[in-house]
N, C-alpha and C. Protein backbone atom coordinates (compact mmCIF):
# COMPACT_ATOMS: atom_id res chain seq x y z
N MET A 1 6.53 31.53 111.10
CA MET A 1 7.97 31.50 110.94
C MET A 1 8.36 30.72 109.69
N SER A 2 7.69 29.62 109.43
CA SER A 2 8.04 28.75 108.32
C SER A 2 7.92 29.48 106.98
N ASN A 3 6.81 30.19 106.75
CA ASN A 3 6.63 30.89 105.49
C ASN A 3 7.63 32.04 105.35
N LYS A 4 7.88 32.77 106.44
CA LYS A 4 8.85 33.86 106.39
C LYS A 4 10.24 33.32 106.07
N LEU A 5 10.60 32.19 106.69
CA LEU A 5 11.90 31.59 106.43
C LEU A 5 12.00 31.12 104.98
N ASN A 6 10.96 30.51 104.47
CA ASN A 6 10.95 30.06 103.08
C ASN A 6 11.11 31.24 102.12
N ILE A 7 10.38 32.31 102.38
CA ILE A 7 10.45 33.49 101.51
C ILE A 7 11.84 34.12 101.60
N LEU A 8 12.36 34.27 102.82
CA LEU A 8 13.68 34.86 103.00
C LEU A 8 14.76 34.01 102.33
N SER A 9 14.68 32.71 102.48
CA SER A 9 15.70 31.85 101.86
C SER A 9 15.58 31.87 100.34
N ALA A 10 14.36 31.95 99.81
CA ALA A 10 14.19 32.05 98.35
C ALA A 10 14.77 33.36 97.82
N ILE A 11 14.53 34.44 98.53
CA ILE A 11 15.09 35.75 98.12
C ILE A 11 16.61 35.70 98.18
N THR A 12 17.16 35.09 99.22
CA THR A 12 18.60 34.95 99.35
C THR A 12 19.17 34.13 98.20
N TYR A 13 18.50 33.03 97.86
CA TYR A 13 18.95 32.18 96.76
C TYR A 13 18.97 32.94 95.45
N VAL A 14 17.89 33.67 95.16
CA VAL A 14 17.82 34.44 93.92
C VAL A 14 18.92 35.51 93.91
N ALA A 15 19.13 36.17 95.05
CA ALA A 15 20.17 37.20 95.13
C ALA A 15 21.56 36.61 94.88
N VAL A 16 21.83 35.44 95.43
CA VAL A 16 23.12 34.78 95.21
C VAL A 16 23.29 34.43 93.74
N CYS A 17 22.26 33.89 93.12
CA CYS A 17 22.35 33.53 91.70
C CYS A 17 22.55 34.77 90.83
N ILE A 18 21.83 35.84 91.11
CA ILE A 18 22.00 37.09 90.35
C ILE A 18 23.42 37.62 90.54
N TRP A 19 23.90 37.57 91.78
CA TRP A 19 25.26 38.04 92.07
C TRP A 19 26.27 37.24 91.25
N LEU A 20 26.14 35.91 91.24
CA LEU A 20 27.08 35.07 90.50
C LEU A 20 26.99 35.31 89.00
N LEU A 21 25.80 35.55 88.50
CA LEU A 21 25.64 35.82 87.07
C LEU A 21 26.16 37.21 86.70
N GLY A 22 26.07 38.14 87.63
CA GLY A 22 26.42 39.52 87.33
C GLY A 22 27.88 39.88 87.48
N VAL A 23 28.64 39.05 88.17
CA VAL A 23 30.04 39.39 88.37
C VAL A 23 30.87 38.84 87.22
N ASN A 24 31.96 39.50 86.96
CA ASN A 24 32.87 39.10 85.89
C ASN A 24 34.10 38.48 86.52
N GLU A 25 34.18 37.17 86.48
CA GLU A 25 35.30 36.45 87.08
C GLU A 25 35.44 36.75 88.57
N GLY A 26 34.35 37.11 89.21
CA GLY A 26 34.38 37.39 90.64
C GLY A 26 34.86 38.79 90.97
N GLN A 27 35.13 39.60 89.97
CA GLN A 27 35.61 40.96 90.21
C GLN A 27 34.45 41.94 90.04
N THR A 28 34.24 42.76 91.02
CA THR A 28 33.22 43.80 90.96
C THR A 28 33.86 45.13 91.32
N PRO A 29 33.26 46.22 90.88
CA PRO A 29 33.85 47.52 91.20
C PRO A 29 33.59 47.97 92.64
N ILE A 30 32.80 47.19 93.40
CA ILE A 30 32.50 47.56 94.77
C ILE A 30 33.08 46.53 95.73
N THR A 31 33.39 46.98 96.93
CA THR A 31 33.83 46.07 97.99
C THR A 31 32.68 45.95 98.98
N VAL A 32 32.24 44.71 99.20
CA VAL A 32 31.10 44.48 100.09
C VAL A 32 31.52 43.96 101.46
N CYS A 33 32.79 43.66 101.62
CA CYS A 33 33.29 43.09 102.87
C CYS A 33 33.54 44.21 103.89
N PRO A 34 32.78 44.25 104.99
CA PRO A 34 32.99 45.29 106.00
C PRO A 34 34.40 45.25 106.59
N SER A 35 34.95 44.06 106.77
CA SER A 35 36.30 43.94 107.32
C SER A 35 37.32 44.60 106.40
N LYS A 36 37.16 44.37 105.11
CA LYS A 36 38.09 44.94 104.14
C LYS A 36 37.89 46.45 104.02
N LEU A 37 36.64 46.90 104.11
CA LEU A 37 36.36 48.33 104.01
C LEU A 37 36.89 49.10 105.23
N ILE A 38 36.70 48.56 106.41
CA ILE A 38 37.04 49.28 107.64
C ILE A 38 38.50 49.05 108.05
N TYR A 39 38.91 47.78 108.09
CA TYR A 39 40.23 47.45 108.61
C TYR A 39 41.26 47.14 107.53
N HIS A 40 40.83 47.02 106.28
CA HIS A 40 41.69 46.66 105.15
C HIS A 40 42.30 45.27 105.33
N ILE A 41 41.55 44.41 106.01
CA ILE A 41 41.94 43.02 106.21
C ILE A 41 40.84 42.14 105.62
N PRO A 42 41.17 41.20 104.76
CA PRO A 42 40.14 40.34 104.20
C PRO A 42 39.51 39.44 105.26
N CYS A 43 38.21 39.20 105.13
CA CYS A 43 37.51 38.34 106.08
C CYS A 43 37.58 36.88 105.62
N ALA A 44 36.97 35.99 106.39
CA ALA A 44 36.98 34.57 106.03
C ALA A 44 36.20 34.29 104.75
N GLY A 45 35.29 35.20 104.38
CA GLY A 45 34.50 35.02 103.17
C GLY A 45 35.11 35.61 101.93
N CYS A 46 36.18 36.39 102.09
CA CYS A 46 36.79 37.04 100.92
C CYS A 46 37.27 36.00 99.92
N GLY A 47 36.88 36.18 98.69
CA GLY A 47 37.27 35.26 97.62
C GLY A 47 36.27 34.15 97.38
N THR A 48 35.20 34.10 98.15
CA THR A 48 34.22 33.01 97.99
C THR A 48 33.53 33.08 96.64
N THR A 49 33.21 34.28 96.17
CA THR A 49 32.55 34.41 94.86
C THR A 49 33.47 33.92 93.76
N ARG A 50 34.71 34.37 93.76
CA ARG A 50 35.66 33.92 92.73
C ARG A 50 35.89 32.42 92.82
N ALA A 51 36.01 31.92 94.04
CA ALA A 51 36.23 30.49 94.23
C ALA A 51 35.03 29.66 93.75
N THR A 52 33.83 30.16 94.02
CA THR A 52 32.62 29.45 93.58
C THR A 52 32.54 29.43 92.05
N LEU A 53 32.88 30.54 91.42
CA LEU A 53 32.89 30.58 89.96
C LEU A 53 33.92 29.60 89.40
N LEU A 54 35.09 29.53 90.02
CA LEU A 54 36.10 28.55 89.59
C LEU A 54 35.59 27.12 89.78
N LEU A 55 34.91 26.89 90.89
CA LEU A 55 34.37 25.56 91.17
C LEU A 55 33.33 25.17 90.13
N LEU A 56 32.47 26.12 89.75
CA LEU A 56 31.46 25.86 88.74
C LEU A 56 32.08 25.59 87.36
N LYS A 57 33.28 26.10 87.13
CA LYS A 57 34.00 25.86 85.87
C LYS A 57 34.81 24.57 85.91
N GLY A 58 34.81 23.90 87.08
CA GLY A 58 35.53 22.64 87.20
C GLY A 58 36.96 22.77 87.66
N GLN A 59 37.38 23.94 88.06
CA GLN A 59 38.75 24.16 88.54
C GLN A 59 38.77 23.98 90.06
N PHE A 60 38.64 22.73 90.49
CA PHE A 60 38.44 22.40 91.89
C PHE A 60 39.61 22.83 92.78
N PHE A 61 40.83 22.47 92.40
CA PHE A 61 41.99 22.79 93.24
C PHE A 61 42.16 24.30 93.39
N ASP A 62 42.06 25.02 92.28
CA ASP A 62 42.20 26.48 92.34
C ASP A 62 41.12 27.10 93.22
N ALA A 63 39.90 26.58 93.10
CA ALA A 63 38.78 27.12 93.88
C ALA A 63 38.98 26.89 95.37
N ILE A 64 39.32 25.69 95.74
CA ILE A 64 39.48 25.36 97.15
C ILE A 64 40.69 26.06 97.74
N SER A 65 41.75 26.22 96.94
CA SER A 65 42.91 26.93 97.47
C SER A 65 42.63 28.43 97.60
N LEU A 66 41.72 28.98 96.80
CA LEU A 66 41.35 30.39 96.93
C LEU A 66 40.50 30.62 98.18
N ASN A 67 39.46 29.79 98.37
CA ASN A 67 38.65 29.87 99.59
C ASN A 67 37.80 28.60 99.73
N PRO A 68 38.09 27.78 100.73
CA PRO A 68 37.34 26.53 100.92
C PRO A 68 35.85 26.74 101.19
N ASN A 69 35.44 27.95 101.57
CA ASN A 69 34.01 28.21 101.78
C ASN A 69 33.19 28.04 100.51
N CYS A 70 33.87 27.96 99.36
CA CYS A 70 33.14 27.78 98.10
C CYS A 70 32.39 26.45 98.08
N ILE A 71 32.86 25.48 98.85
CA ILE A 71 32.16 24.19 98.92
C ILE A 71 30.78 24.39 99.55
N LEU A 72 30.71 25.20 100.61
CA LEU A 72 29.42 25.49 101.23
C LEU A 72 28.51 26.27 100.28
N ALA A 73 29.10 27.22 99.55
CA ALA A 73 28.32 28.00 98.59
C ALA A 73 27.76 27.10 97.50
N LEU A 74 28.58 26.19 96.99
CA LEU A 74 28.12 25.28 95.94
C LEU A 74 27.03 24.34 96.46
N MET A 75 27.18 23.88 97.70
CA MET A 75 26.14 23.03 98.29
C MET A 75 24.82 23.78 98.35
N PHE A 76 24.87 25.06 98.76
CA PHE A 76 23.65 25.88 98.83
C PHE A 76 23.05 26.06 97.44
N ILE A 77 23.89 26.36 96.46
CA ILE A 77 23.39 26.60 95.10
C ILE A 77 22.74 25.35 94.52
N CYS A 78 23.33 24.20 94.78
CA CYS A 78 22.82 22.95 94.20
C CYS A 78 21.65 22.34 94.99
N LEU A 79 21.73 22.37 96.31
CA LEU A 79 20.73 21.68 97.11
C LEU A 79 19.45 22.49 97.34
N TYR A 80 19.56 23.81 97.39
CA TYR A 80 18.37 24.62 97.69
C TYR A 80 17.22 24.38 96.71
N PRO A 81 17.46 24.40 95.40
CA PRO A 81 16.32 24.17 94.49
C PRO A 81 15.72 22.78 94.63
N ILE A 82 16.56 21.80 94.90
CA ILE A 82 16.06 20.43 95.05
C ILE A 82 15.17 20.33 96.29
N ILE A 83 15.66 20.88 97.41
CA ILE A 83 14.88 20.86 98.65
C ILE A 83 13.61 21.70 98.49
N GLY A 84 13.72 22.85 97.82
CA GLY A 84 12.56 23.71 97.62
C GLY A 84 11.48 23.06 96.78
N VAL A 85 11.86 22.43 95.68
CA VAL A 85 10.87 21.75 94.82
C VAL A 85 10.26 20.57 95.56
N TYR A 86 11.09 19.80 96.25
CA TYR A 86 10.57 18.67 97.02
C TYR A 86 9.60 19.14 98.10
N SER A 87 9.90 20.28 98.74
CA SER A 87 9.01 20.84 99.75
C SER A 87 7.67 21.23 99.14
N LEU A 88 7.72 21.85 97.97
CA LEU A 88 6.48 22.24 97.31
C LEU A 88 5.65 21.03 96.91
N LEU A 89 6.29 20.01 96.36
CA LEU A 89 5.58 18.82 95.91
C LEU A 89 4.98 18.02 97.07
N SER A 90 5.71 17.95 98.17
CA SER A 90 5.24 17.16 99.30
C SER A 90 4.45 17.98 100.31
N LYS A 91 4.38 19.29 100.08
CA LYS A 91 3.68 20.22 100.97
C LYS A 91 4.20 20.14 102.41
N GLN A 92 5.49 19.93 102.51
CA GLN A 92 6.19 19.92 103.80
C GLN A 92 7.25 21.02 103.74
N SER A 93 7.68 21.49 104.87
CA SER A 93 8.66 22.57 104.90
C SER A 93 10.03 22.01 105.25
N TYR A 94 10.69 21.42 104.26
CA TYR A 94 12.01 20.85 104.48
C TYR A 94 13.09 21.92 104.63
N ILE A 95 12.85 23.09 104.07
CA ILE A 95 13.80 24.19 104.24
C ILE A 95 13.85 24.59 105.71
N THR A 96 12.69 24.68 106.33
CA THR A 96 12.65 24.98 107.77
C THR A 96 13.30 23.86 108.57
N ASP A 97 13.06 22.62 108.16
CA ASP A 97 13.69 21.49 108.83
C ASP A 97 15.22 21.57 108.74
N CYS A 98 15.73 21.92 107.57
CA CYS A 98 17.18 22.07 107.40
C CYS A 98 17.72 23.19 108.28
N TYR A 99 17.00 24.31 108.31
CA TYR A 99 17.41 25.44 109.15
C TYR A 99 17.44 25.02 110.62
N ASN A 100 16.40 24.34 111.08
CA ASN A 100 16.33 23.90 112.48
C ASN A 100 17.45 22.91 112.79
N PHE A 101 17.74 22.01 111.86
CA PHE A 101 18.83 21.05 112.05
C PHE A 101 20.16 21.76 112.22
N LEU A 102 20.44 22.74 111.33
CA LEU A 102 21.70 23.48 111.43
C LEU A 102 21.77 24.31 112.71
N SER A 103 20.64 24.89 113.10
CA SER A 103 20.61 25.66 114.35
C SER A 103 20.92 24.78 115.55
N ARG A 104 20.30 23.60 115.58
CA ARG A 104 20.56 22.67 116.69
C ARG A 104 22.01 22.19 116.67
N ALA A 105 22.55 21.93 115.49
CA ALA A 105 23.93 21.47 115.39
C ALA A 105 24.90 22.52 115.91
N LEU A 106 24.63 23.79 115.58
CA LEU A 106 25.52 24.86 116.03
C LEU A 106 25.35 25.19 117.52
N GLU A 107 24.28 24.71 118.14
CA GLU A 107 24.12 24.87 119.58
C GLU A 107 25.05 23.94 120.35
N ASN A 108 25.48 22.87 119.69
CA ASN A 108 26.45 21.95 120.29
C ASN A 108 27.81 22.64 120.28
N LYS A 109 28.39 22.84 121.45
CA LYS A 109 29.62 23.63 121.52
C LYS A 109 30.78 22.99 120.78
N TYR A 110 30.82 21.68 120.67
CA TYR A 110 31.91 21.02 119.95
C TYR A 110 31.81 21.30 118.45
N VAL A 111 30.60 21.26 117.93
CA VAL A 111 30.39 21.57 116.52
C VAL A 111 30.71 23.03 116.26
N LEU A 112 30.25 23.90 117.15
CA LEU A 112 30.49 25.33 116.99
C LEU A 112 31.99 25.65 117.05
N VAL A 113 32.70 25.04 117.98
CA VAL A 113 34.15 25.26 118.08
C VAL A 113 34.84 24.76 116.82
N PHE A 114 34.44 23.60 116.31
CA PHE A 114 35.02 23.06 115.08
C PHE A 114 34.81 24.03 113.91
N VAL A 115 33.58 24.53 113.76
CA VAL A 115 33.27 25.48 112.68
C VAL A 115 34.09 26.76 112.85
N LEU A 116 34.16 27.26 114.06
CA LEU A 116 34.94 28.48 114.32
C LEU A 116 36.42 28.28 114.02
N ILE A 117 36.97 27.14 114.40
CA ILE A 117 38.38 26.86 114.10
C ILE A 117 38.60 26.82 112.59
N CYS A 118 37.69 26.17 111.87
CA CYS A 118 37.80 26.12 110.41
C CYS A 118 37.75 27.52 109.81
N GLU A 119 36.82 28.34 110.27
CA GLU A 119 36.69 29.69 109.74
C GLU A 119 37.89 30.57 110.10
N ILE A 120 38.44 30.38 111.30
CA ILE A 120 39.65 31.13 111.68
C ILE A 120 40.82 30.73 110.79
N MET A 121 40.93 29.44 110.49
CA MET A 121 42.00 28.98 109.60
C MET A 121 41.82 29.57 108.20
N ILE A 122 40.58 29.62 107.72
CA ILE A 122 40.32 30.22 106.41
C ILE A 122 40.63 31.72 106.45
N TRP A 123 40.30 32.36 107.55
CA TRP A 123 40.58 33.79 107.69
C TRP A 123 42.09 34.05 107.65
N ILE A 124 42.86 33.25 108.38
CA ILE A 124 44.32 33.39 108.37
C ILE A 124 44.85 33.15 106.95
N HIS A 125 44.32 32.13 106.30
CA HIS A 125 44.71 31.85 104.91
C HIS A 125 44.44 33.06 104.02
N ASN A 126 43.26 33.67 104.17
CA ASN A 126 42.90 34.81 103.34
C ASN A 126 43.78 36.02 103.62
N ILE A 127 44.12 36.23 104.87
CA ILE A 127 44.99 37.37 105.20
C ILE A 127 46.36 37.16 104.55
N ILE A 128 46.90 35.97 104.65
CA ILE A 128 48.19 35.68 104.03
C ILE A 128 48.10 35.72 102.51
N TYR A 129 47.05 35.14 101.95
CA TYR A 129 46.88 35.03 100.51
C TYR A 129 46.62 36.38 99.85
N HIS A 130 45.83 37.23 100.49
CA HIS A 130 45.40 38.49 99.88
C HIS A 130 46.30 39.68 100.19
N ILE A 131 47.27 39.50 101.08
CA ILE A 131 48.15 40.64 101.41
C ILE A 131 49.43 40.56 100.63
């Protein structure tokens, strides 16, 4: 499981970086959001790419007002290489440890409810903001 998780997370990281490098100001000719494609309603993740690009440019207020999930995306972009290199150097699987920690945290119903409430608030914000 550990090696599969490491490989999957590395592929995901590379895909995210390629996606961010390949988009122009967060605008692409395709819509990848199933909610937007099927129901024409933006999901909680809508605008995360544009917000992350704004965050990387230092436009913090604009980024967070577009979609607060960009903070999580930036944490992933910045922390993953550090944890990955440290794992390789120490020959320990800290990526798996992080995954297990997050899984255990989300098993706690209070944490899960808090995360869900935050995502519902972001979803409502996106529906109002994008319509």
